[in-house]
C-alpha atoms as a PDB file:
ATOM      1  CA  UNK A   1      -7.440  28.910 -32.951  1.00  0.00           C
ATOM      2  CA  UNK A   2      -6.456  25.523 -34.323  1.00  0.00           C
ATOM      3  CA  UNK A   3      -7.546  22.270 -32.759  1.00  0.00           C
ATOM      4  CA  UNK A   4      -5.487  21.320 -29.697  1.00  0.00           C
ATOM      5  CA  UNK A   5      -4.067  17.809 -29.964  1.00  0.00           C
ATOM      6  CA  UNK A   6      -5.068  15.349 -27.284  1.00  0.00           C
ATOM      7  CA  UNK A   7      -1.521  13.895 -27.156  1.00  0.00           C
ATOM      8  CA  UNK A   8      -0.033  17.358 -26.655  1.00  0.00           C
ATOM      9  CA  UNK A   9      -2.383  17.986 -23.755  1.00  0.00           C
ATOM     10  CA  UNK A  10      -1.408  14.661 -22.163  1.00  0.00           C
ATOM     11  CA  UNK A  11       2.292  15.434 -22.534  1.00  0.00           C
ATOM     12  CA  UNK A  12       1.768  18.874 -20.984  1.00  0.00           C
ATOM     13  CA  UNK A  13       0.055  17.341 -17.939  1.00  0.00           C
ATOM     14  CA  UNK A  14       2.730  14.679 -17.471  1.00  0.00           C
ATOM     15  CA  UNK A  15       5.605  17.129 -17.993  1.00  0.00           C
ATOM     16  CA  UNK A  16       4.084  19.420 -15.376  1.00  0.00           C
ATOM     17  CA  UNK A  17       3.820  16.510 -12.933  1.00  0.00           C
ATOM     18  CA  UNK A  18       7.319  15.188 -13.585  1.00  0.00           C
ATOM     19  CA  UNK A  19       9.100  18.518 -14.037  1.00  0.00           C
ATOM     20  CA  UNK A  20      11.209  17.214 -16.897  1.00  0.00           C
ATOM     21  CA  UNK A  21      10.945  16.844 -20.675  1.00  0.00           C
ATOM     22  CA  UNK A  22      13.299  13.857 -20.633  1.00  0.00           C
ATOM     23  CA  UNK A  23      11.393  12.009 -17.878  1.00  0.00           C
ATOM     24  CA  UNK A  24       8.072  12.617 -19.615  1.00  0.00           C
ATOM     25  CA  UNK A  25       9.642  11.434 -22.869  1.00  0.00           C
ATOM     26  CA  UNK A  26      10.886   8.176 -21.322  1.00  0.00           C
ATOM     27  CA  UNK A  27       7.452   7.515 -19.865  1.00  0.00           C
ATOM     28  CA  UNK A  28       5.792   8.055 -23.269  1.00  0.00           C
ATOM     29  CA  UNK A  29       8.559   6.227 -25.196  1.00  0.00           C
ATOM     30  CA  UNK A  30       9.437   9.417 -27.104  1.00  0.00           C
ATOM     31  CA  UNK A  31      12.536  11.561 -27.592  1.00  0.00           C
ATOM     32  CA  UNK A  32      12.885  14.643 -25.353  1.00  0.00           C
ATOM     33  CA  UNK A  33      12.816  16.788 -28.474  1.00  0.00           C
ATOM     34  CA  UNK A  34       9.423  15.361 -29.421  1.00  0.00           C
ATOM     35  CA  UNK A  35       7.989  16.321 -26.031  1.00  0.00           C
ATOM     36  CA  UNK A  36       9.511  19.791 -26.269  1.00  0.00           C
ATOM     37  CA  UNK A  37       7.992  20.157 -29.748  1.00  0.00           C
ATOM     38  CA  UNK A  38       4.562  19.102 -28.453  1.00  0.00           C
ATOM     39  CA  UNK A  39       4.723  21.685 -25.655  1.00  0.00           C
ATOM     40  CA  UNK A  40       5.860  24.382 -28.091  1.00  0.00           C
ATOM     41  CA  UNK A  41       2.967  23.496 -30.407  1.00  0.00           C
ATOM     42  CA  UNK A  42       0.488  23.730 -27.522  1.00  0.00           C
ATOM     43  CA  UNK A  43       1.954  27.082 -26.474  1.00  0.00           C
ATOM     44  CA  UNK A  44       1.462  28.387 -30.012  1.00  0.00           C
ATOM     45  CA  UNK A  45      -2.152  27.202 -30.099  1.00  0.00           C
ATOM     46  CA  UNK A  46      -2.864  28.854 -26.724  1.00  0.00           C
ATOM     47  CA  UNK A  47      -0.697  31.899 -27.441  1.00  0.00           C
ATOM     48  CA  UNK A  48       0.874  31.743 -23.998  1.00  0.00           C
ATOM     49  CA  UNK A  49       3.988  30.365 -22.360  1.00  0.00           C
ATOM     50  CA  UNK A  50       3.402  27.269 -20.224  1.00  0.00           C
ATOM     51  CA  UNK A  51       6.893  26.592 -18.823  1.00  0.00           C
ATOM     52  CA  UNK A  52       9.932  28.530 -17.705  1.00  0.00           C
ATOM     53  CA  UNK A  53      12.961  26.644 -18.976  1.00  0.00           C
ATOM     54  CA  UNK A  54      16.493  26.930 -17.619  1.00  0.00           C
ATOM     55  CA  UNK A  55      19.509  24.671 -18.038  1.00  0.00           C
ATOM     56  CA  UNK A  56      18.755  23.031 -14.679  1.00  0.00           C
ATOM     57  CA  UNK A  57      15.018  23.242 -14.114  1.00  0.00           C
ATOM     58  CA  UNK A  58      11.612  23.302 -15.693  1.00  0.00           C
ATOM     59  CA  UNK A  59       8.656  24.889 -13.952  1.00  0.00           C
ATOM     60  CA  UNK A  60       5.213  26.141 -14.814  1.00  0.00           C
ATOM     61  CA  UNK A  61       4.644  29.797 -15.561  1.00  0.00           C
ATOM     62  CA  UNK A  62       1.799  31.544 -13.744  1.00  0.00           C
ATOM     63  CA  UNK A  63      -0.331  31.078 -16.875  1.00  0.00           C
ATOM     64  CA  UNK A  64       0.669  27.406 -17.085  1.00  0.00           C
ATOM     65  CA  UNK A  65      -0.334  26.839 -13.462  1.00  0.00           C
ATOM     66  CA  UNK A  66      -3.748  28.383 -14.159  1.00  0.00           C
ATOM     67  CA  UNK A  67      -4.214  26.272 -17.305  1.00  0.00           C
ATOM     68  CA  UNK A  68      -3.105  22.931 -15.811  1.00  0.00           C
ATOM     69  CA  UNK A  69      -6.311  22.066 -13.860  1.00  0.00           C
ATOM     70  CA  UNK A  70      -8.371  22.762 -16.991  1.00  0.00           C
ATOM     71  CA  UNK A  71      -6.146  20.370 -18.934  1.00  0.00           C
ATOM     72  CA  UNK A  72      -6.704  17.735 -16.234  1.00  0.00           C
ATOM     73  CA  UNK A  73     -10.473  18.278 -16.452  1.00  0.00           C
ATOM     74  CA  UNK A  74     -10.470  17.884 -20.241  1.00  0.00           C
ATOM     75  CA  UNK A  75      -8.419  14.676 -20.089  1.00  0.00           C
ATOM     76  CA  UNK A  76     -10.645  13.267 -17.328  1.00  0.00           C
ATOM     77  CA  UNK A  77     -13.794  14.154 -19.264  1.00  0.00           C
ATOM     78  CA  UNK A  78     -12.498  12.370 -22.365  1.00  0.00           C
ATOM     79  CA  UNK A  79     -11.649   9.264 -20.326  1.00  0.00           C
ATOM     80  CA  UNK A  80     -15.041   9.294 -18.654  1.00  0.00           C
ATOM     81  CA  UNK A  81     -16.809   9.762 -21.992  1.00  0.00           C
ATOM     82  CA  UNK A  82     -15.015   6.792 -23.479  1.00  0.00           C
ATOM     83  CA  UNK A  83     -15.896   4.665 -20.450  1.00  0.00           C
ATOM     84  CA  UNK A  84     -19.576   5.687 -20.611  1.00  0.00           C
ATOM     85  CA  UNK A  85     -19.789   4.884 -24.331  1.00  0.00           C
ATOM     86  CA  UNK A  86     -18.144   1.513 -23.833  1.00  0.00           C
ATOM     87  CA  UNK A  87     -20.335   0.704 -20.818  1.00  0.00           C
ATOM     88  CA  UNK A  88     -19.472  -1.219 -17.671  1.00  0.00           C
ATOM     89  CA  UNK A  89     -20.032  -4.554 -19.382  1.00  0.00           C
ATOM     90  CA  UNK A  90     -17.770  -3.825 -22.355  1.00  0.00           C
ATOM     91  CA  UNK A  91     -14.642  -5.892 -22.775  1.00  0.00           C
ATOM     92  CA  UNK A  92     -11.819  -4.272 -20.830  1.00  0.00           C
ATOM     93  CA  UNK A  93      -8.940  -3.058 -22.965  1.00  0.00           C
ATOM     94  CA  UNK A  94      -6.044  -0.635 -22.779  1.00  0.00           C
ATOM     95  CA  UNK A  95      -3.598  -0.323 -19.905  1.00  0.00           C
ATOM     96  CA  UNK A  96      -4.308  -0.403 -16.176  1.00  0.00           C
ATOM     97  CA  UNK A  97      -1.454   0.991 -14.080  1.00  0.00           C
ATOM     98  CA  UNK A  98      -1.562  -0.180 -10.474  1.00  0.00           C
ATOM     99  CA  UNK A  99       0.738   0.598  -7.538  1.00  0.00           C
ATOM    100  CA  UNK A 100       0.878  -1.470  -4.331  1.00  0.00           C
ATOM    101  CA  UNK A 101       3.092  -1.858  -1.246  1.00  0.00           C
ATOM    102  CA  UNK A 102       5.744  -4.467  -2.048  1.00  0.00           C
ATOM    103  CA  UNK A 103       4.878  -6.821   0.837  1.00  0.00           C
ATOM    104  CA  UNK A 104       1.124  -6.773   0.225  1.00  0.00           C
ATOM    105  CA  UNK A 105       1.514  -6.784  -3.542  1.00  0.00           C
ATOM    106  CA  UNK A 106       3.964  -9.672  -3.689  1.00  0.00           C
ATOM    107  CA  UNK A 107       2.480 -11.968  -1.048  1.00  0.00           C
ATOM    108  CA  UNK A 108      -1.255 -11.252  -1.246  1.00  0.00           C
ATOM    109  CA  UNK A 109      -2.349  -9.367  -4.351  1.00  0.00           C
ATOM    110  CA  UNK A 110      -0.063 -10.743  -7.066  1.00  0.00           C
ATOM    111  CA  UNK A 111      -1.946 -13.962  -7.936  1.00  0.00           C
ATOM    112  CA  UNK A 112      -5.305 -12.167  -7.955  1.00  0.00           C
ATOM    113  CA  UNK A 113      -4.039  -9.307 -10.107  1.00  0.00           C
ATOM    114  CA  UNK A 114      -2.632 -11.872 -12.513  1.00  0.00           C
ATOM    115  CA  UNK A 115      -5.960 -13.748 -12.579  1.00  0.00           C
ATOM    116  CA  UNK A 116      -7.839 -10.483 -13.205  1.00  0.00           C
ATOM    117  CA  UNK A 117      -5.616  -9.693 -16.182  1.00  0.00           C
ATOM    118  CA  UNK A 118      -6.033 -13.250 -17.485  1.00  0.00           C
ATOM    119  CA  UNK A 119      -9.820 -12.834 -17.360  1.00  0.00           C
ATOM    120  CA  UNK A 120      -9.511  -9.744 -19.582  1.00  0.00           C
ATOM    121  CA  UNK A 121      -7.122 -10.695 -22.415  1.00  0.00           C
ATOM    122  CA  UNK A 122      -7.180  -7.249 -24.075  1.00  0.00           C
ATOM    123  CA  UNK A 123      -6.122  -5.507 -20.864  1.00  0.00           C
ATOM    124  CA  UNK A 124      -2.478  -4.732 -20.117  1.00  0.00           C
ATOM    125  CA  UNK A 125      -1.517  -4.615 -16.440  1.00  0.00           C
ATOM    126  CA  UNK A 126       1.402  -2.462 -15.307  1.00  0.00           C
ATOM    127  CA  UNK A 127       2.197  -3.253 -11.657  1.00  0.00           C
ATOM    128  CA  UNK A 128       4.504  -1.122  -9.523  1.00  0.00           C
ATOM    129  CA  UNK A 129       5.602  -2.645  -6.219  1.00  0.00           C
ATOM    130  CA  UNK A 130       7.334  -0.355  -3.755  1.00  0.00           C
ATOM    131  CA  UNK A 131       7.316   0.419  -0.063  1.00  0.00           C
ATOM    132  CA  UNK A 132       7.540   4.101  -0.976  1.00  0.00           C
ATOM    133  CA  UNK A 133       4.119   5.745  -0.759  1.00  0.00           C
ATOM    134  CA  UNK A 134       2.901   6.335  -4.301  1.00  0.00           C
ATOM    135  CA  UNK A 135       2.122   9.934  -5.209  1.00  0.00           C
ATOM    136  CA  UNK A 136      -0.998   9.341  -7.285  1.00  0.00           C
ATOM    137  CA  UNK A 137      -0.855  12.943  -8.540  1.00  0.00           C
ATOM    138  CA  UNK A 138       2.719  12.699  -9.821  1.00  0.00           C
ATOM    139  CA  UNK A 139       3.392   9.017 -10.548  1.00  0.00           C
ATOM    140  CA  UNK A 140       2.008   7.446 -13.759  1.00  0.00           C
ATOM    141  CA  UNK A 141      -0.591   5.208 -12.109  1.00  0.00           C
ATOM    142  CA  UNK A 142      -4.351   4.871 -12.460  1.00  0.00           C
ATOM    143  CA  UNK A 143      -4.951   3.517  -8.975  1.00  0.00           C
ATOM    144  CA  UNK A 144      -2.928   2.717  -5.855  1.00  0.00           C
ATOM    145  CA  UNK A 145      -3.469   0.353  -2.950  1.00  0.00           C
ATOM    146  CA  UNK A 146      -3.085   2.381   0.232  1.00  0.00           C
ATOM    147  CA  UNK A 147      -2.930   1.035   3.794  1.00  0.00           C
ATOM    148  CA  UNK A 148      -3.930   3.304   6.653  1.00  0.00           C
ATOM    149  CA  UNK A 149      -6.196   6.226   7.307  1.00  0.00           C
ATOM    150  CA  UNK A 150      -5.637   9.493   5.488  1.00  0.00           C
ATOM    151  CA  UNK A 151      -7.360  12.834   5.910  1.00  0.00           C
ATOM    152  CA  UNK A 152      -6.334  14.423   2.614  1.00  0.00           C
ATOM    153  CA  UNK A 153      -9.625  15.495   1.039  1.00  0.00           C
ATOM    154  CA  UNK A 154      -7.945  15.711  -2.376  1.00  0.00           C
ATOM    155  CA  UNK A 155      -7.940  11.902  -2.593  1.00  0.00           C
ATOM    156  CA  UNK A 156     -10.924   9.714  -3.332  1.00  0.00           C
ATOM    157  CA  UNK A 157     -11.011   6.095  -2.285  1.00  0.00           C
ATOM    158  CA  UNK A 158     -12.765   2.800  -2.829  1.00  0.00           C
ATOM    159  CA  UNK A 159     -12.809   0.830   0.419  1.00  0.00           C
ATOM    160  CA  UNK A 160     -11.561  -2.760   0.340  1.00  0.00           C
ATOM    161  CA  UNK A 161     -10.928  -3.836   3.955  1.00  0.00           C
ATOM    162  CA  UNK A 162     -11.955  -1.153   6.466  1.00  0.00           C
ATOM    163  CA  UNK A 163     -11.432  -3.476   9.462  1.00  0.00           C
ATOM    164  CA  UNK A 164      -7.808  -4.419   8.828  1.00  0.00           C
ATOM    165  CA  UNK A 165      -5.394  -3.580  11.685  1.00  0.00           C
ATOM    166  CA  UNK A 166      -1.795  -3.845  12.733  1.00  0.00           C
ATOM    167  CA  UNK A 167      -0.972  -6.621  15.174  1.00  0.00           C
ATOM    168  CA  UNK A 168       2.016  -7.444  17.357  1.00  0.00           C
ATOM    169  CA  UNK A 169       3.436 -10.842  16.434  1.00  0.00           C
ATOM    170  CA  UNK A 170       6.340 -13.081  17.365  1.00  0.00           C
ATOM    171  CA  UNK A 171       7.264 -16.682  16.714  1.00  0.00           C
ATOM    172  CA  UNK A 172       6.470 -19.355  19.313  1.00  0.00           C
ATOM    173  CA  UNK A 173      10.231 -19.887  19.589  1.00  0.00           C
ATOM    174  CA  UNK A 174      10.840 -16.265  20.509  1.00  0.00           C
ATOM    175  CA  UNK A 175       8.056 -16.294  23.094  1.00  0.00           C
ATOM    176  CA  UNK A 176       9.395 -19.512  24.622  1.00  0.00           C
ATOM    177  CA  UNK A 177      12.918 -18.075  24.870  1.00  0.00           C
ATOM    178  CA  UNK A 178      12.102 -14.515  25.953  1.00  0.00           C
ATOM    179  CA  UNK A 179       8.529 -14.549  27.198  1.00  0.00           C
ATOM    180  CA  UNK A 180       5.651 -12.455  25.921  1.00  0.00           C
ATOM    181  CA  UNK A 181       5.224  -8.782  26.850  1.00  0.00           C
ATOM    182  CA  UNK A 182       2.385  -8.311  29.357  1.00  0.00           C
ATOM    183  CA  UNK A 183       1.848  -4.633  28.554  1.00  0.00           C
ATOM    184  CA  UNK A 184       2.629  -2.102  25.827  1.00  0.00           C
ATOM    185  CA  UNK A 185       5.358  -0.549  27.978  1.00  0.00           C
ATOM    186  CA  UNK A 186       7.042  -3.952  28.322  1.00  0.00           C
ATOM    187  CA  UNK A 187       7.876  -3.800  24.605  1.00  0.00           C
ATOM    188  CA  UNK A 188      10.802  -1.572  25.607  1.00  0.00           C
ATOM    189  CA  UNK A 189      12.477  -4.635  27.119  1.00  0.00           C
ATOM    190  CA  UNK A 190      12.101  -6.794  23.985  1.00  0.00           C
ATOM    191  CA  UNK A 191      13.904  -7.087  20.665  1.00  0.00           C
ATOM    192  CA  UNK A 192      11.632  -5.243  18.246  1.00  0.00           C
ATOM    193  CA  UNK A 193      12.040  -5.571  14.496  1.00  0.00           C
ATOM    194  CA  UNK A 194      12.242  -2.124  12.935  1.00  0.00           C
ATOM    195  CA  UNK A 195      11.137  -0.893   9.553  1.00  0.00           C
ATOM    196  CA  UNK A 196      12.623   2.057   7.698  1.00  0.00           C
ATOM    197  CA  UNK A 197      10.838   4.080   5.024  1.00  0.00           C
ATOM    198  CA  UNK A 198      12.236   7.104   3.245  1.00  0.00           C
ATOM    199  CA  UNK A 199      15.189   7.215   5.640  1.00  0.00           C
ATOM    200  CA  UNK A 200      12.867   7.345   8.675  1.00  0.00           C
ATOM    201  CA  UNK A 201      12.953   4.527  11.205  1.00  0.00           C
ATOM    202  CA  UNK A 202       9.500   3.548  12.475  1.00  0.00           C
ATOM    203  CA  UNK A 203      10.392   3.058  16.132  1.00  0.00           C
ATOM    204  CA  UNK A 204       7.333   4.816  17.598  1.00  0.00           C
ATOM    205  CA  UNK A 205       4.531   2.257  17.543  1.00  0.00           C
ATOM    206  CA  UNK A 206       0.959   3.576  17.823  1.00  0.00           C
ATOM    207  CA  UNK A 207      -1.749   1.541  19.537  1.00  0.00           C
ATOM    208  CA  UNK A 208      -5.464   1.798  20.210  1.00  0.00           C
ATOM    209  CA  UNK A 209      -6.500  -0.087  23.354  1.00  0.00           C
ATOM    210  CA  UNK A 210      -9.811   0.187  25.222  1.00  0.00           C
ATOM    211  CA  UNK A 211     -10.652   3.223  23.112  1.00  0.00           C
ATOM    212  CA  UNK A 212      -7.424   5.057  24.043  1.00  0.00           C
ATOM    213  CA  UNK A 213      -4.452   5.848  21.836  1.00  0.00           C
ATOM    214  CA  UNK A 214      -0.884   5.381  23.031  1.00  0.00           C
ATOM    215  CA  UNK A 215       2.618   5.527  21.603  1.00  0.00           C
ATOM    216  CA  UNK A 216       5.491   3.251  22.634  1.00  0.00           C
ATOM    217  CA  UNK A 217       9.099   3.950  21.628  1.00  0.00           C
ATOM    218  CA  UNK A 218      10.764   0.623  20.816  1.00  0.00           C
ATOM    219  CA  UNK A 219      14.250  -0.481  19.883  1.00  0.00           C
ATOM    220  CA  UNK A 220      15.999  -3.400  18.261  1.00  0.00           C
ATOM    221  CA  UNK A 221      19.197  -4.480  16.550  1.00  0.00           C
ATOM    222  CA  UNK A 222      17.552  -5.436  13.252  1.00  0.00           C
ATOM    223  CA  UNK A 223      16.238  -2.825  10.815  1.00  0.00           C
ATOM    224  CA  UNK A 224      15.275  -3.086   7.148  1.00  0.00           C
ATOM    225  CA  UNK A 225      13.610  -0.956   4.478  1.00  0.00           C
ATOM    226  CA  UNK A 226      11.817  -4.033   3.072  1.00  0.00           C
ATOM    227  CA  UNK A 227       8.645  -4.826   5.039  1.00  0.00           C
ATOM    228  CA  UNK A 228       8.697  -8.482   4.015  1.00  0.00           C
ATOM    229  CA  UNK A 229      12.153  -8.929   5.558  1.00  0.00           C
ATOM    230  CA  UNK A 230      10.730  -7.736   8.897  1.00  0.00           C
ATOM    231  CA  UNK A 231       8.053 -10.444   8.639  1.00  0.00           C
ATOM    232  CA  UNK A 232      10.679 -13.077   7.804  1.00  0.00           C
ATOM    233  CA  UNK A 233      12.788 -12.059  10.789  1.00  0.00           C
ATOM    234  CA  UNK A 234       9.750 -12.467  13.017  1.00  0.00           C
ATOM    235  CA  UNK A 235       9.056 -15.957  11.643  1.00  0.00           C
ATOM    236  CA  UNK A 236      12.720 -16.828  12.235  1.00  0.00           C
ATOM    237  CA  UNK A 237      12.377 -15.900  15.924  1.00  0.00           C
ATOM    238  CA  UNK A 238      14.497 -12.749  15.838  1.00  0.00           C
ATOM    239  CA  UNK A 239      12.029 -10.516  17.646  1.00  0.00           C
ATOM    240  CA  UNK A 240       8.611  -8.856  17.743  1.00  0.00           C
ATOM    241  CA  UNK A 241       7.101  -7.266  14.645  1.00  0.00           C
ATOM    242  CA  UNK A 242       4.207  -4.809  14.337  1.00  0.00           C
ATOM    243  CA  UNK A 243       2.587  -5.607  11.024  1.00  0.00           C
ATOM    244  CA  UNK A 244      -0.623  -5.391   9.036  1.00  0.00           C
ATOM    245  CA  UNK A 245      -2.820  -8.445   9.627  1.00  0.00           C
ATOM    246  CA  UNK A 246      -2.916  -8.892   5.851  1.00  0.00           C
ATOM    247  CA  UNK A 247       0.847  -9.473   5.906  1.00  0.00           C
ATOM    248  CA  UNK A 248       0.980 -11.943   8.811  1.00  0.00           C
ATOM    249  CA  UNK A 249      -2.469 -13.588   8.909  1.00  0.00           C
ATOM    250  CA  UNK A 250      -1.298 -16.658   6.984  1.00  0.00           C
ATOM    251  CA  UNK A 251       1.682 -17.069   9.342  1.00  0.00           C
ATOM    252  CA  UNK A 252      -0.595 -16.828  12.400  1.00  0.00           C
ATOM    253  CA  UNK A 253      -3.075 -19.359  11.022  1.00  0.00           C
ATOM    254  CA  UNK A 254      -0.184 -21.735  10.196  1.00  0.00           C
ATOM    255  CA  UNK A 255       1.343 -21.387  13.681  1.00  0.00           C
ATOM    256  CA  UNK A 256       4.546 -19.712  12.483  1.00  0.00           C
ATOM    257  CA  UNK A 257       3.628 -16.549  14.399  1.00  0.00           C
ATOM    258  CA  UNK A 258       1.366 -15.773  17.330  1.00  0.00           C
ATOM    259  CA  UNK A 259      -0.479 -12.571  18.180  1.00  0.00           C
ATOM    260  CA  UNK A 260       0.596 -10.723  21.327  1.00  0.00           C
ATOM    261  CA  UNK A 261      -1.364  -8.408  23.643  1.00  0.00           C
ATOM    262  CA  UNK A 262      -4.776  -9.338  22.215  1.00  0.00           C
ATOM    263  CA  UNK A 263      -3.923  -7.789  18.856  1.00  0.00           C
ATOM    264  CA  UNK A 264      -4.729  -4.294  20.118  1.00  0.00           C
ATOM    265  CA  UNK A 265      -3.117  -2.560  17.152  1.00  0.00           C
ATOM    266  CA  UNK A 266      -4.050   0.600  15.311  1.00  0.00           C
ATOM    267  CA  UNK A 267      -6.597   0.459  12.461  1.00  0.00           C
ATOM    268  CA  UNK A 268      -5.008   0.011   9.033  1.00  0.00           C
ATOM    269  CA  UNK A 269      -7.821   0.020   6.444  1.00  0.00           C
ATOM    270  CA  UNK A 270      -7.050  -0.978   2.865  1.00  0.00           C
ATOM    271  CA  UNK A 271      -8.321   1.284   0.082  1.00  0.00           C
ATOM    272  CA  UNK A 272      -7.903   1.849  -3.618  1.00  0.00           C
ATOM    273  CA  UNK A 273      -7.101   5.541  -4.069  1.00  0.00           C
ATOM    274  CA  UNK A 274      -6.747   8.022  -6.916  1.00  0.00           C
ATOM    275  CA  UNK A 275      -6.836  11.820  -7.238  1.00  0.00           C
ATOM    276  CA  UNK A 276     -10.235  12.111  -8.907  1.00  0.00           C
ATOM    277  CA  UNK A 277     -13.427  10.047  -8.995  1.00  0.00           C
ATOM    278  CA  UNK A 278     -13.463  10.312 -12.789  1.00  0.00           C
ATOM    279  CA  UNK A 279     -10.428   8.011 -12.792  1.00  0.00           C
ATOM    280  CA  UNK A 280     -12.597   5.169 -11.486  1.00  0.00           C
ATOM    281  CA  UNK A 281     -12.758   3.576 -14.925  1.00  0.00           C
ATOM    282  CA  UNK A 282     -14.675   0.336 -15.651  1.00  0.00           C
ATOM    283  CA  UNK A 283     -11.370  -1.529 -15.203  1.00  0.00           C
ATOM    284  CA  UNK A 284     -10.803   0.030 -11.765  1.00  0.00           C
ATOM    285  CA  UNK A 285     -14.378  -0.607 -10.645  1.00  0.00           C
ATOM    286  CA  UNK A 286     -14.289  -4.210 -11.840  1.00  0.00           C
ATOM    287  CA  UNK A 287     -10.923  -4.760 -10.129  1.00  0.00           C
ATOM    288  CA  UNK A 288     -12.412  -3.378  -6.909  1.00  0.00           C
ATOM    289  CA  UNK A 289     -15.315  -5.826  -7.048  1.00  0.00           C
ATOM    290  CA  UNK A 290     -13.046  -8.717  -8.026  1.00  0.00           C
ATOM    291  CA  UNK A 291     -10.691  -8.150  -5.095  1.00  0.00           C
ATOM    292  CA  UNK A 292     -13.394  -7.282  -2.575  1.00  0.00           C
ATOM    293  CA  UNK A 293     -14.831 -10.790  -2.799  1.00  0.00           C
ATOM    294  CA  UNK A 294     -11.429 -12.395  -2.347  1.00  0.00           C
ATOM    295  CA  UNK A 295      -9.898 -10.173   0.336  1.00  0.00           C
ATOM    296  CA  UNK A 296     -12.691 -10.360   2.928  1.00  0.00           C
ATOM    297  CA  UNK A 297     -11.858 -13.946   4.073  1.00  0.00           C
ATOM    298  CA  UNK A 298      -8.286 -12.840   4.865  1.00  0.00           C
ATOM    299  CA  UNK A 299      -9.520 -11.142   8.043  1.00  0.00           C
ATOM    300  CA  UNK A 300     -10.415 -14.569   9.464  1.00  0.00           C
ATOM    301  CA  UNK A 301      -8.626 -15.035  12.775  1.00  0.00           C
ATOM    302  CA  UNK A 302      -7.998 -11.327  13.387  1.00  0.00           C
ATOM    303  CA  UNK A 303      -8.590 -10.778  17.131  1.00  0.00           C
ATOM    304  CA  UNK A 304     -11.554  -8.531  17.908  1.00  0.00           C
ATOM    305  CA  UNK A 305     -10.370  -5.050  18.874  1.00  0.00           C
ATOM    306  CA  UNK A 306     -11.319  -3.968  22.380  1.00  0.00           C
END
């Protein structure tokens, strides 16, 4: 058997994840025919068929599905070997692809990510900002910032801020005009600022108070699929928002917003996540340390959970 090309193996893995020659080609800056040729070459070397191709779809064969995890292991081993040879103290180079929620990424992380890239001139930073939850198995990213708890054992995570929480906030002007809710149930009588993600409206707010969990169904006339717009509406006095402390802490400290109901919101830890520990490259580990030192002070002023 001839030597399998590393690039062909990479294109196989990405094509399997994306389900399309053309999408994989755009990602790699190639022509679809070049990707198809790479897959055909790999199939010849392996003497098996990896994909079933129709005019409308592309899917793995049974043999391709069996082979795919081995391809991932080989690619991960090569990345890890390169990182070990270079060492943790080697100059960072190559491309680091990072995904982050748009609100957190734009208002909190952006200057620090820029400073990290500036400190490593040979490193390219590709930043994806979106409120859609990044699929770190499918999307072309090395690492993703993820808010909230997750129980999926297939992910691995580097903790950044385990004590972050959601808090209820409103502007002093709103509280003066409408009063502050004195209980969770009283939220039903207030204008709540709603967030929509993936077509789903988040109008069931979860709380942890005195060690008990509760859910309150809220309503409001303002709804947006951009989390930062919800924060801006709250600052403008349009209603009550239920946001990550990382998103509203600066507004609370500046007096533009105030915390309601003792800040008894649900935990919302911040982590860096990826599918496999072998993807924690020197660049990822150094970014984790760089941000850990800078993020911790942002919890200043967060009310102590009861």
